[in-house]
Amino acid sequence: MGATAQISNPMKFASRQVVDLGIVQGAWPVKVYAILSDKWTVDDLPDAATFEVAVRDAAATLQQPQDHPAGFAIFHMADDGFYLLISRFNNANNIRHSVFSLAQHVTGLKCAPLADPKLIACIWEMRLMMAEADAWIETVLRPGNGLTQDALSAYLACRYEGTV
């Protein structure tokens, strides 16, 4: 057997709390969630205005002609740092995605690209991403009428809260 990989996180799984933080309205509506490791509680979350600025900054990285005016963001307060994932539906069944590490600055949260651009998400984030993909399938794709205002409203109203 080969050498063990050097890791910074414990090799264990425990469910994490997901908190629905509402919708940030910018160029397109973004459903915002927080995932909290056991180190953090809801009381540790930054204020809503701080989230809005970070989400709008991250959302500006996803602007392509086939992008739909809908997506979601995940603010993950993990054991090894804070992360912001922004995802936008594209060309019917694709998800475009950017991941940032977050640092607290005097002006708010500062987004920075990850040191490893190949990382897409952790297992907790992927579980929430799958719930959002399921919501898109059920509210937009399965009805088969395209992204009507009713379909968009149904998608935005379909929210996740609980654990992943």
N, C-alpha and C. Protein backbone atom coordinates (compact mmCIF):
# COMPACT_ATOMS: atom_id res chain seq x y z
N MET A 1 0.84 -1.17 0.00
CA MET A 1 0.00 0.00 0.00
C MET A 1 0.89 1.24 0.00
N GLY A 2 0.46 2.29 -0.71
CA GLY A 2 1.23 3.52 -0.84
C GLY A 2 1.21 4.35 0.43
N ALA A 3 1.92 5.44 0.38
CA ALA A 3 2.00 6.35 1.52
C ALA A 3 0.65 7.00 1.78
N THR A 4 0.40 7.31 3.04
CA THR A 4 -0.83 7.99 3.42
C THR A 4 -0.74 9.46 3.03
N ALA A 5 -1.82 9.97 2.47
CA ALA A 5 -1.87 11.38 2.08
C ALA A 5 -1.80 12.27 3.31
N GLN A 6 -1.13 13.41 3.16
CA GLN A 6 -1.09 14.38 4.24
C GLN A 6 -2.42 15.13 4.25
N ILE A 7 -3.11 15.12 5.39
CA ILE A 7 -4.44 15.73 5.47
C ILE A 7 -4.50 16.74 6.61
N SER A 8 -5.40 17.71 6.46
CA SER A 8 -5.57 18.72 7.51
C SER A 8 -6.90 18.58 8.24
N ASN A 9 -7.77 17.71 7.75
CA ASN A 9 -9.07 17.49 8.39
C ASN A 9 -9.11 16.08 8.98
N PRO A 10 -9.90 15.87 10.03
CA PRO A 10 -10.02 14.53 10.60
C PRO A 10 -10.74 13.59 9.63
N MET A 11 -10.38 12.33 9.66
CA MET A 11 -11.01 11.32 8.81
C MET A 11 -12.25 10.78 9.51
N LYS A 12 -13.29 11.62 9.58
CA LYS A 12 -14.55 11.23 10.20
C LYS A 12 -15.67 12.02 9.56
N PHE A 13 -16.88 11.52 9.73
CA PHE A 13 -18.05 12.22 9.21
C PHE A 13 -19.04 12.43 10.33
N ALA A 14 -19.54 13.63 10.44
CA ALA A 14 -20.65 13.95 11.34
C ALA A 14 -21.54 14.92 10.57
N SER A 15 -22.84 14.74 10.68
CA SER A 15 -23.77 15.63 9.98
C SER A 15 -23.53 17.07 10.41
N ARG A 16 -23.80 17.98 9.50
CA ARG A 16 -23.64 19.41 9.78
C ARG A 16 -24.96 20.13 9.54
N GLN A 17 -25.19 21.14 10.35
CA GLN A 17 -26.41 21.95 10.26
C GLN A 17 -26.37 22.83 9.01
N VAL A 18 -27.52 22.90 8.32
CA VAL A 18 -27.71 23.82 7.20
C VAL A 18 -28.72 24.87 7.63
N VAL A 19 -28.38 26.13 7.40
CA VAL A 19 -29.25 27.25 7.75
C VAL A 19 -29.62 27.99 6.47
N ASP A 20 -30.91 28.21 6.27
CA ASP A 20 -31.41 28.98 5.13
C ASP A 20 -31.24 30.46 5.46
N LEU A 21 -30.44 31.17 4.68
CA LEU A 21 -30.17 32.59 4.94
C LEU A 21 -30.95 33.51 4.02
N GLY A 22 -31.89 32.95 3.26
CA GLY A 22 -32.73 33.79 2.40
C GLY A 22 -32.18 33.95 1.00
N ILE A 23 -32.65 34.97 0.32
CA ILE A 23 -32.27 35.23 -1.06
C ILE A 23 -31.56 36.57 -1.15
N VAL A 24 -30.43 36.59 -1.82
CA VAL A 24 -29.74 37.83 -2.13
C VAL A 24 -30.12 38.20 -3.56
N GLN A 25 -30.68 39.38 -3.70
CA GLN A 25 -31.11 39.84 -5.02
C GLN A 25 -30.05 40.77 -5.59
N GLY A 26 -29.42 40.34 -6.65
CA GLY A 26 -28.46 41.18 -7.37
C GLY A 26 -28.86 41.16 -8.83
N ALA A 27 -27.91 40.89 -9.70
CA ALA A 27 -28.22 40.76 -11.13
C ALA A 27 -29.14 39.57 -11.35
N TRP A 28 -29.09 38.59 -10.45
CA TRP A 28 -29.98 37.42 -10.48
C TRP A 28 -30.16 36.94 -9.04
N PRO A 29 -31.31 36.34 -8.73
CA PRO A 29 -31.55 35.90 -7.34
C PRO A 29 -30.69 34.70 -6.97
N VAL A 30 -30.11 34.77 -5.77
CA VAL A 30 -29.24 33.71 -5.26
C VAL A 30 -29.80 33.23 -3.93
N LYS A 31 -30.16 31.94 -3.86
CA LYS A 31 -30.55 31.34 -2.58
C LYS A 31 -29.26 31.13 -1.77
N VAL A 32 -29.26 31.58 -0.52
CA VAL A 32 -28.05 31.53 0.29
C VAL A 32 -28.26 30.60 1.49
N TYR A 33 -27.29 29.72 1.67
CA TYR A 33 -27.30 28.78 2.79
C TYR A 33 -25.99 28.89 3.56
N ALA A 34 -26.02 28.48 4.82
CA ALA A 34 -24.80 28.30 5.60
C ALA A 34 -24.75 26.85 6.05
N ILE A 35 -23.56 26.28 6.00
CA ILE A 35 -23.29 24.97 6.59
C ILE A 35 -22.36 25.22 7.76
N LEU A 36 -22.70 24.65 8.92
CA LEU A 36 -21.92 24.90 10.14
C LEU A 36 -21.31 23.60 10.65
N SER A 37 -19.98 23.59 10.80
CA SER A 37 -19.35 22.45 11.47
C SER A 37 -19.66 22.54 12.96
N ASP A 38 -19.29 21.51 13.70
CA ASP A 38 -19.55 21.49 15.14
C ASP A 38 -18.87 22.63 15.90
N LYS A 39 -17.87 23.24 15.29
CA LYS A 39 -17.15 24.36 15.93
C LYS A 39 -17.98 25.63 15.98
N TRP A 40 -19.04 25.72 15.16
CA TRP A 40 -19.76 26.97 14.96
C TRP A 40 -21.25 26.82 15.25
N THR A 41 -21.88 27.94 15.61
CA THR A 41 -23.32 27.97 15.80
C THR A 41 -23.89 29.10 14.95
N VAL A 42 -25.20 29.19 14.90
CA VAL A 42 -25.87 30.25 14.16
C VAL A 42 -25.43 31.63 14.67
N ASP A 43 -25.15 31.72 15.96
CA ASP A 43 -24.72 33.00 16.54
C ASP A 43 -23.37 33.48 15.99
N ASP A 44 -22.58 32.56 15.42
CA ASP A 44 -21.27 32.91 14.87
C ASP A 44 -21.34 33.45 13.44
N LEU A 45 -22.51 33.34 12.80
CA LEU A 45 -22.64 33.79 11.41
C LEU A 45 -22.47 35.30 11.31
N PRO A 46 -21.82 35.78 10.24
CA PRO A 46 -21.76 37.23 10.01
C PRO A 46 -23.16 37.79 9.77
N ASP A 47 -23.30 39.09 9.86
CA ASP A 47 -24.61 39.72 9.65
C ASP A 47 -25.00 39.64 8.17
N ALA A 48 -26.29 39.84 7.91
CA ALA A 48 -26.85 39.69 6.56
C ALA A 48 -26.19 40.62 5.55
N ALA A 49 -25.90 41.84 5.94
CA ALA A 49 -25.27 42.79 5.00
C ALA A 49 -23.90 42.30 4.55
N THR A 50 -23.15 41.69 5.46
CA THR A 50 -21.83 41.15 5.12
C THR A 50 -21.97 40.02 4.11
N PHE A 51 -22.96 39.14 4.33
CA PHE A 51 -23.22 38.05 3.39
C PHE A 51 -23.57 38.59 2.01
N GLU A 52 -24.45 39.58 1.98
CA GLU A 52 -24.92 40.10 0.70
C GLU A 52 -23.78 40.60 -0.16
N VAL A 53 -22.85 41.33 0.43
CA VAL A 53 -21.72 41.86 -0.34
C VAL A 53 -20.87 40.71 -0.88
N ALA A 54 -20.55 39.74 -0.03
CA ALA A 54 -19.72 38.61 -0.47
C ALA A 54 -20.42 37.81 -1.57
N VAL A 55 -21.72 37.57 -1.42
CA VAL A 55 -22.46 36.80 -2.43
C VAL A 55 -22.52 37.57 -3.75
N ARG A 56 -22.78 38.85 -3.69
CA ARG A 56 -22.82 39.65 -4.94
C ARG A 56 -21.46 39.66 -5.63
N ASP A 57 -20.38 39.79 -4.86
CA ASP A 57 -19.04 39.76 -5.44
C ASP A 57 -18.77 38.41 -6.11
N ALA A 58 -19.13 37.33 -5.42
CA ALA A 58 -18.91 36.00 -5.99
C ALA A 58 -19.79 35.77 -7.21
N ALA A 59 -21.04 36.22 -7.15
CA ALA A 59 -21.97 36.03 -8.27
C ALA A 59 -21.48 36.73 -9.53
N ALA A 60 -20.75 37.81 -9.37
CA ALA A 60 -20.23 38.54 -10.54
C ALA A 60 -19.24 37.70 -11.35
N THR A 61 -18.73 36.61 -10.76
CA THR A 61 -17.79 35.74 -11.49
C THR A 61 -18.52 34.79 -12.43
N LEU A 62 -19.83 34.71 -12.34
CA LEU A 62 -20.61 33.78 -13.16
C LEU A 62 -21.51 34.55 -14.11
N GLN A 63 -20.99 34.93 -15.24
CA GLN A 63 -21.75 35.70 -16.23
C GLN A 63 -21.46 35.14 -17.62
N GLN A 64 -22.31 34.24 -18.09
CA GLN A 64 -22.19 33.68 -19.43
C GLN A 64 -23.54 33.77 -20.13
N PRO A 65 -23.56 33.83 -21.47
CA PRO A 65 -24.83 33.99 -22.19
C PRO A 65 -25.87 32.90 -21.90
N GLN A 66 -25.44 31.67 -21.63
CA GLN A 66 -26.42 30.60 -21.39
C GLN A 66 -26.77 30.42 -19.91
N ASP A 67 -26.30 31.32 -19.06
CA ASP A 67 -26.64 31.23 -17.64
C ASP A 67 -28.09 31.62 -17.42
N HIS A 68 -28.74 30.89 -16.54
CA HIS A 68 -30.12 31.21 -16.15
C HIS A 68 -30.09 32.18 -14.97
N PRO A 69 -31.15 32.97 -14.80
CA PRO A 69 -31.18 33.94 -13.71
C PRO A 69 -31.58 33.30 -12.38
N ALA A 70 -30.82 32.27 -11.98
CA ALA A 70 -31.12 31.58 -10.73
C ALA A 70 -29.90 30.77 -10.30
N GLY A 71 -29.71 30.70 -9.00
CA GLY A 71 -28.63 29.89 -8.48
C GLY A 71 -28.63 29.90 -6.96
N PHE A 72 -27.53 29.44 -6.40
CA PHE A 72 -27.45 29.32 -4.95
C PHE A 72 -26.01 29.53 -4.49
N ALA A 73 -25.88 29.89 -3.24
CA ALA A 73 -24.57 30.08 -2.62
C ALA A 73 -24.54 29.30 -1.32
N ILE A 74 -23.37 28.78 -1.01
CA ILE A 74 -23.16 28.05 0.25
C ILE A 74 -22.01 28.73 0.99
N PHE A 75 -22.30 29.23 2.17
CA PHE A 75 -21.28 29.77 3.06
C PHE A 75 -20.98 28.67 4.06
N HIS A 76 -19.79 28.10 4.00
CA HIS A 76 -19.44 26.97 4.86
C HIS A 76 -18.44 27.42 5.92
N MET A 77 -18.90 27.36 7.16
CA MET A 77 -18.02 27.60 8.30
C MET A 77 -17.50 26.23 8.71
N ALA A 78 -16.37 25.86 8.12
CA ALA A 78 -15.80 24.52 8.28
C ALA A 78 -14.78 24.50 9.41
N ASP A 79 -14.27 23.32 9.71
CA ASP A 79 -13.25 23.20 10.74
C ASP A 79 -11.95 23.88 10.34
N ASP A 80 -11.66 23.89 9.04
CA ASP A 80 -10.38 24.41 8.58
C ASP A 80 -10.47 25.77 7.90
N GLY A 81 -11.60 26.46 8.02
CA GLY A 81 -11.72 27.79 7.43
C GLY A 81 -13.13 28.09 6.97
N PHE A 82 -13.28 29.24 6.36
CA PHE A 82 -14.58 29.68 5.83
C PHE A 82 -14.51 29.66 4.31
N TYR A 83 -15.60 29.19 3.69
CA TYR A 83 -15.64 29.06 2.23
C TYR A 83 -16.96 29.59 1.70
N LEU A 84 -16.93 30.09 0.48
CA LEU A 84 -18.13 30.52 -0.22
C LEU A 84 -18.14 29.85 -1.58
N LEU A 85 -19.21 29.11 -1.83
CA LEU A 85 -19.42 28.47 -3.13
C LEU A 85 -20.60 29.16 -3.78
N ILE A 86 -20.45 29.53 -5.03
CA ILE A 86 -21.54 30.17 -5.77
C ILE A 86 -21.80 29.31 -7.00
N SER A 87 -23.07 28.99 -7.22
CA SER A 87 -23.45 28.12 -8.33
C SER A 87 -24.61 28.73 -9.09
N ARG A 88 -24.58 28.57 -10.41
CA ARG A 88 -25.62 29.13 -11.26
C ARG A 88 -25.99 28.10 -12.32
N PHE A 89 -27.30 27.94 -12.53
CA PHE A 89 -27.75 27.00 -13.55
C PHE A 89 -27.48 27.58 -14.93
N ASN A 90 -27.09 26.69 -15.84
CA ASN A 90 -26.64 27.09 -17.17
C ASN A 90 -27.13 26.08 -18.20
N ASN A 91 -27.61 26.59 -19.34
CA ASN A 91 -27.97 25.75 -20.47
C ASN A 91 -28.83 24.56 -20.05
N ALA A 92 -29.89 24.81 -19.37
CA ALA A 92 -30.87 23.83 -18.92
C ALA A 92 -30.37 22.99 -17.75
N ASN A 93 -29.37 22.12 -17.97
CA ASN A 93 -29.05 21.11 -16.96
C ASN A 93 -27.61 21.15 -16.46
N ASN A 94 -26.92 22.24 -16.66
CA ASN A 94 -25.55 22.38 -16.16
C ASN A 94 -25.53 23.32 -14.96
N ILE A 95 -24.49 23.17 -14.17
CA ILE A 95 -24.25 24.09 -13.05
C ILE A 95 -22.86 24.66 -13.22
N ARG A 96 -22.78 25.98 -13.32
CA ARG A 96 -21.49 26.67 -13.32
C ARG A 96 -21.20 27.05 -11.88
N HIS A 97 -19.92 27.07 -11.51
CA HIS A 97 -19.59 27.06 -10.10
C HIS A 97 -18.24 27.73 -9.85
N SER A 98 -18.16 28.51 -8.80
CA SER A 98 -16.88 29.07 -8.33
C SER A 98 -16.79 28.85 -6.82
N VAL A 99 -15.56 28.63 -6.36
CA VAL A 99 -15.32 28.38 -4.93
C VAL A 99 -14.27 29.38 -4.44
N PHE A 100 -14.54 29.94 -3.27
CA PHE A 100 -13.64 30.93 -2.69
C PHE A 100 -13.37 30.58 -1.23
N SER A 101 -12.17 30.92 -0.77
CA SER A 101 -11.94 30.94 0.67
C SER A 101 -12.30 32.35 1.13
N LEU A 102 -12.70 32.46 2.37
CA LEU A 102 -13.12 33.75 2.91
C LEU A 102 -12.24 34.13 4.09
N ALA A 103 -11.90 35.39 4.15
CA ALA A 103 -11.17 35.92 5.29
C ALA A 103 -11.89 37.17 5.76
N GLN A 104 -11.90 37.37 7.06
CA GLN A 104 -12.54 38.56 7.64
C GLN A 104 -11.57 39.74 7.54
N HIS A 105 -12.05 40.83 6.94
CA HIS A 105 -11.28 42.06 6.85
C HIS A 105 -12.11 43.17 7.47
N VAL A 106 -11.51 44.32 7.70
CA VAL A 106 -12.25 45.44 8.30
C VAL A 106 -13.41 45.87 7.41
N THR A 107 -13.32 45.62 6.12
CA THR A 107 -14.39 46.00 5.19
C THR A 107 -15.41 44.88 4.99
N GLY A 108 -15.24 43.75 5.67
CA GLY A 108 -16.17 42.63 5.52
C GLY A 108 -15.44 41.37 5.12
N LEU A 109 -16.15 40.45 4.51
CA LEU A 109 -15.55 39.19 4.08
C LEU A 109 -14.85 39.39 2.75
N LYS A 110 -13.63 38.91 2.65
CA LYS A 110 -12.85 39.03 1.42
C LYS A 110 -12.78 37.67 0.75
N CYS A 111 -13.27 37.58 -0.49
CA CYS A 111 -13.22 36.34 -1.27
C CYS A 111 -11.87 36.21 -1.95
N ALA A 112 -11.30 35.01 -1.89
CA ALA A 112 -10.05 34.72 -2.60
C ALA A 112 -10.18 33.35 -3.25
N PRO A 113 -9.64 33.19 -4.45
CA PRO A 113 -9.68 31.86 -5.08
C PRO A 113 -8.97 30.84 -4.19
N LEU A 114 -9.41 29.60 -4.25
CA LEU A 114 -8.75 28.55 -3.48
C LEU A 114 -7.33 28.34 -3.99
N ALA A 115 -6.44 27.91 -3.10
CA ALA A 115 -5.07 27.61 -3.50
C ALA A 115 -5.05 26.47 -4.52
N ASP A 116 -5.98 25.52 -4.40
CA ASP A 116 -6.09 24.41 -5.34
C ASP A 116 -7.33 24.63 -6.20
N PRO A 117 -7.17 25.11 -7.43
CA PRO A 117 -8.34 25.40 -8.28
C PRO A 117 -9.09 24.16 -8.74
N LYS A 118 -8.55 22.98 -8.48
CA LYS A 118 -9.23 21.74 -8.87
C LYS A 118 -10.28 21.30 -7.84
N LEU A 119 -10.23 21.85 -6.62
CA LEU A 119 -11.23 21.51 -5.62
C LEU A 119 -12.57 22.12 -6.02
N ILE A 120 -13.63 21.30 -5.98
CA ILE A 120 -14.95 21.82 -6.33
C ILE A 120 -15.86 21.95 -5.13
N ALA A 121 -15.73 21.07 -4.15
CA ALA A 121 -16.61 21.10 -2.98
C ALA A 121 -16.18 20.01 -2.02
N CYS A 122 -16.60 20.15 -0.77
CA CYS A 122 -16.41 19.06 0.19
C CYS A 122 -17.67 18.19 0.17
N ILE A 123 -17.65 17.11 0.91
CA ILE A 123 -18.79 16.18 0.89
C ILE A 123 -20.06 16.81 1.42
N TRP A 124 -19.97 17.70 2.41
CA TRP A 124 -21.18 18.35 2.94
C TRP A 124 -21.76 19.32 1.91
N GLU A 125 -20.88 20.09 1.29
CA GLU A 125 -21.33 21.03 0.26
C GLU A 125 -21.96 20.29 -0.91
N MET A 126 -21.37 19.17 -1.30
CA MET A 126 -21.91 18.40 -2.42
C MET A 126 -23.31 17.87 -2.11
N ARG A 127 -23.56 17.51 -0.87
CA ARG A 127 -24.90 17.03 -0.51
C ARG A 127 -25.93 18.14 -0.66
N LEU A 128 -25.57 19.36 -0.26
CA LEU A 128 -26.49 20.49 -0.43
C LEU A 128 -26.63 20.85 -1.91
N MET A 129 -25.55 20.77 -2.66
CA MET A 129 -25.62 21.02 -4.10
C MET A 129 -26.57 20.03 -4.77
N MET A 130 -26.56 18.78 -4.33
CA MET A 130 -27.47 17.78 -4.89
C MET A 130 -28.92 18.12 -4.56
N ALA A 131 -29.17 18.61 -3.36
CA ALA A 131 -30.54 19.02 -3.00
C ALA A 131 -30.99 20.16 -3.91
N GLU A 132 -30.10 21.09 -4.22
CA GLU A 132 -30.45 22.19 -5.12
C GLU A 132 -30.65 21.70 -6.55
N ALA A 133 -29.83 20.75 -6.99
CA ALA A 133 -30.04 20.16 -8.32
C ALA A 133 -31.40 19.47 -8.38
N ASP A 134 -31.76 18.75 -7.32
CA ASP A 134 -33.08 18.10 -7.27
C ASP A 134 -34.20 19.14 -7.33
N ALA A 135 -34.04 20.26 -6.63
CA ALA A 135 -35.06 21.32 -6.67
C ALA A 135 -35.20 21.87 -8.08
N TRP A 136 -34.09 22.06 -8.79
CA TRP A 136 -34.11 22.56 -10.17
C TRP A 136 -34.82 21.56 -11.08
N ILE A 137 -34.51 20.28 -10.90
CA ILE A 137 -35.16 19.24 -11.71
C ILE A 137 -36.66 19.26 -11.50
N GLU A 138 -37.10 19.28 -10.25
CA GLU A 138 -38.53 19.17 -9.94
C GLU A 138 -39.33 20.42 -10.30
N THR A 139 -38.72 21.60 -10.19
CA THR A 139 -39.49 22.83 -10.41
C THR A 139 -39.34 23.41 -11.81
N VAL A 140 -38.22 23.11 -12.48
CA VAL A 140 -37.97 23.70 -13.80
C VAL A 140 -37.92 22.65 -14.91
N LEU A 141 -37.09 21.62 -14.75
CA LEU A 141 -36.89 20.68 -15.85
C LEU A 141 -38.02 19.67 -16.02
N ARG A 142 -38.47 19.06 -14.93
CA ARG A 142 -39.50 18.03 -15.05
C ARG A 142 -40.81 18.56 -15.65
N PRO A 143 -41.28 19.76 -15.27
CA PRO A 143 -42.50 20.27 -15.90
C PRO A 143 -42.34 20.50 -17.41
N GLY A 144 -41.12 20.78 -17.86
CA GLY A 144 -40.85 20.87 -19.28
C GLY A 144 -41.35 22.11 -19.99
N ASN A 145 -41.67 23.16 -19.26
CA ASN A 145 -42.18 24.39 -19.87
C ASN A 145 -41.13 25.48 -20.00
N GLY A 146 -39.89 25.16 -19.70
CA GLY A 146 -38.84 26.17 -19.73
C GLY A 146 -38.79 26.95 -18.43
N LEU A 147 -37.93 27.93 -18.41
CA LEU A 147 -37.79 28.74 -17.20
C LEU A 147 -38.78 29.90 -17.25
N THR A 148 -40.03 29.57 -16.98
CA THR A 148 -41.08 30.59 -16.89
C THR A 148 -40.96 31.31 -15.54
N GLN A 149 -41.68 32.40 -15.38
CA GLN A 149 -41.68 33.10 -14.10
C GLN A 149 -42.22 32.20 -13.00
N ASP A 150 -43.24 31.39 -13.32
CA ASP A 150 -43.78 30.45 -12.32
C ASP A 150 -42.74 29.41 -11.92
N ALA A 151 -41.99 28.89 -12.90
CA ALA A 151 -40.96 27.90 -12.60
C ALA A 151 -39.85 28.51 -11.75
N LEU A 152 -39.44 29.73 -12.11
CA LEU A 152 -38.40 30.40 -11.33
C LEU A 152 -38.87 30.66 -9.91
N SER A 153 -40.10 31.12 -9.75
CA SER A 153 -40.65 31.35 -8.41
C SER A 153 -40.72 30.06 -7.61
N ALA A 154 -41.11 28.97 -8.27
CA ALA A 154 -41.18 27.67 -7.59
C ALA A 154 -39.79 27.22 -7.15
N TYR A 155 -38.79 27.40 -8.00
CA TYR A 155 -37.43 27.03 -7.63
C TYR A 155 -36.95 27.85 -6.44
N LEU A 156 -37.16 29.15 -6.49
CA LEU A 156 -36.69 30.02 -5.41
C LEU A 156 -37.42 29.73 -4.09
N ALA A 157 -38.65 29.25 -4.18
CA ALA A 157 -39.42 28.93 -2.97
C ALA A 157 -39.04 27.58 -2.38
N CYS A 158 -38.38 26.75 -3.15
CA CYS A 158 -37.98 25.41 -2.71
C CYS A 158 -36.67 25.55 -1.93
N ARG A 159 -36.75 25.48 -0.60
CA ARG A 159 -35.60 25.76 0.26
C ARG A 159 -35.22 24.53 1.06
N TYR A 160 -33.95 24.42 1.39
CA TYR A 160 -33.44 23.31 2.19
C TYR A 160 -33.07 23.82 3.58
N GLU A 161 -33.44 23.07 4.57
CA GLU A 161 -32.99 23.35 5.93
C GLU A 161 -32.96 22.03 6.67
N GLY A 162 -31.98 21.85 7.50
CA GLY A 162 -31.83 20.59 8.22
C GLY A 162 -30.35 20.29 8.38
N THR A 163 -29.96 19.07 8.02
CA THR A 163 -28.56 18.68 8.10
C THR A 163 -28.12 18.01 6.80
N VAL A 164 -26.83 18.02 6.59
CA VAL A 164 -26.23 17.29 5.47
C VAL A 164 -25.11 16.43 6.03
